[in-house]
Protein backbone atom coordinates (compact mmCIF):
# COMPACT_ATOMS: atom_id res chain seq x y z
CA MET A 1 -18.69 4.11 -10.88
CA GLU A 2 -15.01 3.18 -10.97
CA ILE A 3 -13.00 3.28 -7.76
CA THR A 4 -9.47 2.25 -6.78
CA THR A 5 -8.39 0.20 -3.79
CA LYS A 6 -6.35 3.21 -2.60
CA GLU A 7 -9.46 5.40 -2.55
CA ILE A 8 -11.45 2.85 -0.56
CA ILE A 9 -8.59 2.39 1.92
CA LEU A 10 -8.16 6.16 2.32
CA TYR A 11 -11.89 6.69 2.89
CA SER A 12 -11.99 3.86 5.44
CA PHE A 13 -9.06 5.50 7.29
CA CYS A 14 -10.86 8.85 7.48
CA PRO A 15 -13.62 10.24 5.23
CA LYS A 16 -12.52 13.79 6.03
CA LEU A 17 -8.94 13.11 4.88
CA PHE A 18 -10.34 11.58 1.70
CA TYR A 19 -12.16 14.81 0.85
CA LEU A 20 -9.23 17.00 1.93
CA LYS A 21 -6.92 15.22 -0.49
CA LYS A 22 -9.53 15.11 -3.23
CA ASP A 23 -10.74 18.72 -2.97
CA LEU A 24 -7.51 20.50 -1.98
CA LYS A 25 -5.16 18.30 -4.01
CA LEU A 26 -2.65 18.27 -1.17
CA THR A 27 1.05 17.72 -1.76
CA PRO A 28 1.75 14.08 -0.81
CA SER A 29 3.27 13.69 2.64
CA LEU A 30 6.77 12.37 3.19
CA GLU A 31 5.17 9.11 4.34
CA ASP A 32 3.32 8.91 1.02
CA TYR A 33 6.56 9.40 -0.90
CA TYR A 34 8.31 6.81 1.23
CA ALA A 35 5.62 4.19 0.59
CA ASP A 36 5.51 5.00 -3.12
CA THR A 37 9.30 4.80 -3.50
CA LEU A 38 9.48 1.51 -1.61
CA HIS A 39 6.75 0.15 -3.88
CA ARG A 40 8.61 1.20 -7.05
CA LEU A 41 11.89 -0.13 -5.68
CA MET A 42 10.38 -3.51 -4.84
CA ALA A 43 8.60 -3.75 -8.21
CA ARG A 44 11.81 -3.02 -10.12
CA PHE A 45 13.72 -5.57 -8.04
CA LEU A 46 11.07 -8.24 -8.68
CA PHE A 47 11.15 -7.61 -12.42
CA MET A 48 14.94 -7.93 -12.36
CA ALA A 49 14.75 -11.08 -10.22
CA ARG A 50 12.25 -12.60 -12.65
CA ASP A 51 14.59 -11.85 -15.56
CA GLY A 52 17.65 -13.11 -13.67
CA VAL A 53 19.62 -9.82 -13.79
CA ILE A 54 19.78 -7.75 -10.59
CA SER A 55 21.49 -4.35 -10.68
CA ALA A 56 22.37 -2.73 -7.34
CA LYS A 57 23.25 0.48 -9.18
CA GLU A 58 19.79 0.76 -10.73
CA LEU A 59 18.09 0.27 -7.36
CA LYS A 60 20.23 3.00 -5.79
CA MET A 61 19.42 5.36 -8.67
CA ILE A 62 15.68 4.85 -8.13
CA TRP A 63 16.00 5.85 -4.49
CA ALA A 64 18.34 8.78 -5.16
CA SER A 65 16.08 10.31 -7.81
CA SER A 66 13.09 10.07 -5.48
CA ALA A 67 15.03 11.77 -2.67
CA ILE A 68 15.95 14.67 -4.97
CA ALA A 69 12.32 15.11 -6.02
CA GLN A 70 11.19 15.09 -2.39
CA ARG A 71 13.78 17.62 -1.38
CA ARG A 72 12.42 20.05 -3.96
CA LYS A 73 8.77 19.55 -3.07
CA HIS A 74 8.88 19.15 0.68
CA LYS A 75 11.07 22.15 1.37
CA PHE A 76 8.06 24.31 0.54
CA ALA A 77 5.15 21.95 1.25
CA TYR A 78 2.99 23.92 3.66
CA TYR A 79 1.57 21.06 5.68
CA ASN A 80 4.74 19.03 6.23
CA PRO A 81 6.93 19.25 9.33
CA VAL A 82 9.55 22.01 9.34
CA ASN A 83 12.36 19.53 9.97
CA TRP A 84 12.14 18.21 6.41
CA LYS A 85 15.94 17.94 6.11
CA SER A 86 16.24 15.43 8.95
CA ASN A 87 13.19 13.58 7.62
CA ILE A 88 14.77 13.16 4.20
CA SER A 89 18.04 12.10 5.83
CA GLU A 90 16.10 9.41 7.68
CA PHE A 91 14.34 8.54 4.43
CA ASN A 92 17.72 7.88 2.77
CA LYS A 93 18.86 5.68 5.66
CA LYS A 94 15.72 3.59 5.27
CA GLY A 95 16.37 3.37 1.54
CA ALA A 96 19.87 2.02 2.10
CA ALA A 97 18.47 -0.60 4.49
CA ALA A 98 15.77 -1.60 2.01
CA ILE A 99 18.26 -1.99 -0.84
CA ASP A 100 20.58 -4.06 1.35
CA PHE A 101 17.64 -6.31 2.27
CA LEU A 102 16.63 -6.77 -1.36
CA LEU A 103 20.14 -7.63 -2.53
CA ASN A 104 21.23 -9.90 0.29
CA THR A 105 18.20 -11.46 1.99
CA PHE A 106 15.00 -11.28 -0.01
CA PRO A 107 16.05 -13.43 -3.01
CA GLY A 108 16.10 -16.52 -0.77
CA MET A 109 12.52 -15.82 0.33
CA LEU A 110 11.06 -15.67 -3.18
CA GLY A 111 9.04 -18.32 -4.92
CA SER A 112 8.48 -18.58 -8.67
CA ILE A 113 7.28 -15.13 -9.75
CA ILE A 114 4.03 -15.17 -11.74
CA ALA A 115 3.05 -11.48 -11.76
CA VAL A 116 4.36 -8.18 -10.42
CA ASN A 117 2.23 -5.03 -10.12
CA GLU A 118 -0.45 -6.72 -12.21
CA THR A 119 -3.45 -4.43 -12.73
CA TYR A 120 -6.92 -5.76 -12.01
CA ASN A 121 -10.30 -4.40 -12.98
CA VAL A 122 -13.26 -6.26 -11.50
CA LYS A 123 -16.95 -5.69 -10.90
CA LEU A 124 -17.73 -5.34 -7.18
CA SER A 125 -21.47 -5.04 -7.66
CA LYS A 126 -23.91 -3.51 -10.11
CA GLY A 127 -22.47 -0.23 -11.35
CA ILE A 128 -19.25 -0.43 -9.29
CA THR A 129 -15.87 -1.40 -10.74
CA LEU A 130 -12.79 -1.84 -8.56
CA THR A 131 -9.32 -1.22 -9.99
CA GLY A 132 -5.98 -1.82 -8.32
CA GLU A 133 -2.76 -3.80 -8.47
CA TRP A 134 -1.59 -7.10 -7.05
CA ASP A 135 1.88 -6.42 -5.64
CA LEU A 136 3.12 -9.97 -6.22
CA ILE A 137 1.63 -13.30 -7.20
CA GLN A 138 4.05 -16.19 -6.85
CA GLU A 139 4.12 -19.96 -6.74
CA ASP A 140 5.71 -21.85 -3.86
CA LYS A 141 8.60 -23.82 -5.33
CA ALA A 142 7.94 -26.82 -3.08
CA THR A 143 4.14 -27.05 -2.81
CA LYS A 144 3.26 -25.30 -6.11
CA GLU A 145 0.60 -23.35 -4.22
CA ILE A 146 -0.30 -19.83 -5.32
CA GLU A 147 0.53 -17.04 -2.88
CA LEU A 148 -0.75 -13.48 -3.00
CA VAL A 149 1.79 -11.10 -1.39
CA ILE A 150 1.02 -7.56 -0.19
CA PHE A 151 4.04 -5.44 0.71
CA LYS A 152 3.95 -3.15 3.75
CA GLU A 153 6.28 -0.28 4.63
CA HIS A 154 6.23 -1.19 8.35
CA ASP A 155 7.31 -4.42 10.02
CA LYS A 156 4.63 -4.77 12.71
CA LEU A 157 2.94 -7.49 10.76
CA ASN A 158 2.19 -9.83 13.65
CA HIS A 159 0.02 -7.14 15.25
CA ILE A 160 -2.44 -7.08 12.35
CA PRO A 161 -4.44 -10.20 11.37
CA ILE A 162 -4.41 -10.82 7.63
CA ASP A 163 -8.17 -10.36 7.39
CA GLN A 164 -7.91 -6.93 9.08
CA ASP A 165 -5.69 -5.54 6.32
CA TYR A 166 -8.02 -3.79 3.87
CA LYS A 167 -5.73 -4.11 0.85
CA ALA A 168 -5.15 -7.82 1.50
CA VAL A 169 -8.89 -8.47 1.54
CA LEU A 170 -9.68 -6.28 -1.48
CA ASP A 171 -6.83 -7.87 -3.48
CA THR A 172 -8.16 -11.31 -2.52
CA ILE A 173 -11.67 -10.34 -3.63
CA ALA A 174 -10.27 -9.17 -6.97
CA PHE A 175 -8.27 -12.42 -7.30
CA MET A 176 -11.35 -14.56 -6.65
CA LYS A 177 -13.47 -12.59 -9.12
CA SER A 178 -10.73 -12.81 -11.76
CA PHE A 179 -9.80 -16.51 -11.40
CA ASN A 180 -12.90 -18.01 -9.74
CA SER A 181 -10.77 -19.37 -6.90
CA ALA A 182 -8.97 -18.08 -3.84
CA PRO A 183 -5.17 -18.00 -3.52
CA ALA A 184 -3.82 -20.82 -1.34
CA LYS A 185 -2.14 -18.26 0.89
CA VAL A 186 -2.26 -14.50 1.45
CA SER A 187 0.82 -12.85 2.97
CA LEU A 188 1.87 -9.47 4.30
CA GLN A 189 5.59 -8.94 3.68
CA SER A 190 7.75 -6.13 5.05
CA TYR A 191 9.67 -4.19 2.38
CA ASN A 192 12.96 -4.21 4.25
CA THR A 193 12.94 -6.99 6.87
CA GLN A 194 12.32 -10.73 6.93
CA ARG A 195 9.07 -10.21 8.85
CA LYS A 196 6.15 -11.88 7.14
CA ALA A 197 2.63 -12.82 8.20
CA SER A 198 0.63 -15.39 6.24
CA GLY A 199 -2.80 -16.89 6.52
CA GLY A 200 -6.22 -17.21 4.98
CA ILE A 201 -9.25 -14.95 4.81
CA SER A 202 -12.66 -16.37 5.69
CA GLY A 203 -15.59 -16.21 3.33
CA ALA A 204 -17.59 -14.37 5.98
CA HIS A 205 -14.98 -11.64 6.30
CA ILE A 206 -14.68 -11.31 2.53
CA LYS A 207 -18.44 -10.77 2.35
CA GLU A 208 -18.25 -8.21 5.17
CA VAL A 209 -15.48 -6.17 3.49
CA LEU A 210 -17.21 -6.42 0.13
CA ASN A 211 -20.41 -4.96 1.60
CA ASP A 212 -18.39 -2.28 3.38
CA ALA A 213 -16.60 -1.35 0.14
CA VAL A 214 -19.91 -1.06 -1.71
CA SER A 215 -21.26 1.20 1.07
CA ILE A 216 -18.14 3.39 0.85
CA CYS A 217 -18.62 3.71 -2.91
CA GLY A 218 -22.19 4.84 -2.34
CA ALA A 219 -21.08 7.44 0.20
CA ILE A 220 -18.40 8.79 -2.14
CA GLU A 221 -20.75 8.91 -5.12
CA ASN A 222 -23.36 10.77 -3.08
CA GLY A 223 -20.80 13.17 -1.61
CA THR A 224 -21.56 12.14 1.97
CA LYS A 225 -19.08 13.75 4.35
CA TYR A 226 -19.00 11.80 7.56
CA LYS A 227 -17.54 13.15 10.79
CA TYR A 228 -13.76 12.83 11.12
CA LEU A 229 -12.36 9.92 13.15
CA SER A 230 -10.55 11.59 16.05
CA TYR A 231 -8.78 8.45 17.26
CA LYS A 232 -6.78 8.38 14.01
CA CYS A 233 -5.86 12.07 13.97
CA LYS A 234 -2.45 11.65 15.59
CA SER A 235 -1.17 9.58 12.66
CA CYS A 236 -2.82 11.68 9.94
CA PRO A 237 -0.50 13.36 7.40
CA ALA A 238 -2.88 16.31 7.13
CA LYS A 239 -3.26 16.97 10.86
CA LEU A 240 -1.49 20.34 10.65
CA ILE A 241 -4.12 21.82 8.33
CA CYS A 242 -7.22 19.99 9.56
CA GLU A 243 -9.20 22.02 12.11
CA ASP A 244 -10.82 18.90 13.52
CA ALA A 245 -7.44 17.20 14.00
CA ARG A 246 -5.95 20.26 15.68
CA GLU A 247 -8.66 20.02 18.33
CA THR A 248 -7.61 16.50 19.27
CA VAL A 249 -3.78 16.42 18.98
């Protein structure tokens, strides 16, 4: 079985949402588009920074093209809020802030870039292969230590311990399996602010998440449909079409 980090994270958020998206092939939510566009914007910036040529015009074009695509899709997307125009307007404001951050602040925070959006493919356990991407691997210019950076679309990084971020732990597991050593530091970095949280992940927690991921793979492979998680319904992008969510929000 081959599974992606995104699939494991989605299932851990809510098994019901996982099957809704998989079976109904839902149109991505505005939040999904926002996260995806931020990711592409950051990746392009990092490639340009690595090559020493940064183009503000190209970054703005990436955001503008994404906004146009969203406007076409979300105007008729049946499970998105009716105020899609104001949402896209807010989306563009966030894009302008992100681009300003990348051009004027973020370069001074970078180390020596080793890899950007590097794909990994590792064996989690017998019969299970995990695929995903490391957002950024860089070397500290002063200490020469290797840092694994995971970018987040929100800036509430101090509220979430590093070892409680599923992607951070899964990316670390993939790093250790690929290079037979752990990164010196794992960091969560906001896409558009200077907020950053760094730390280490214990071996015990890595083992716990690894076992959890293997269990999730087994549940997905067997088609197990667990009960929805009502405490997460309020922040679910599919709450308007999910009968269970409508009962709780």
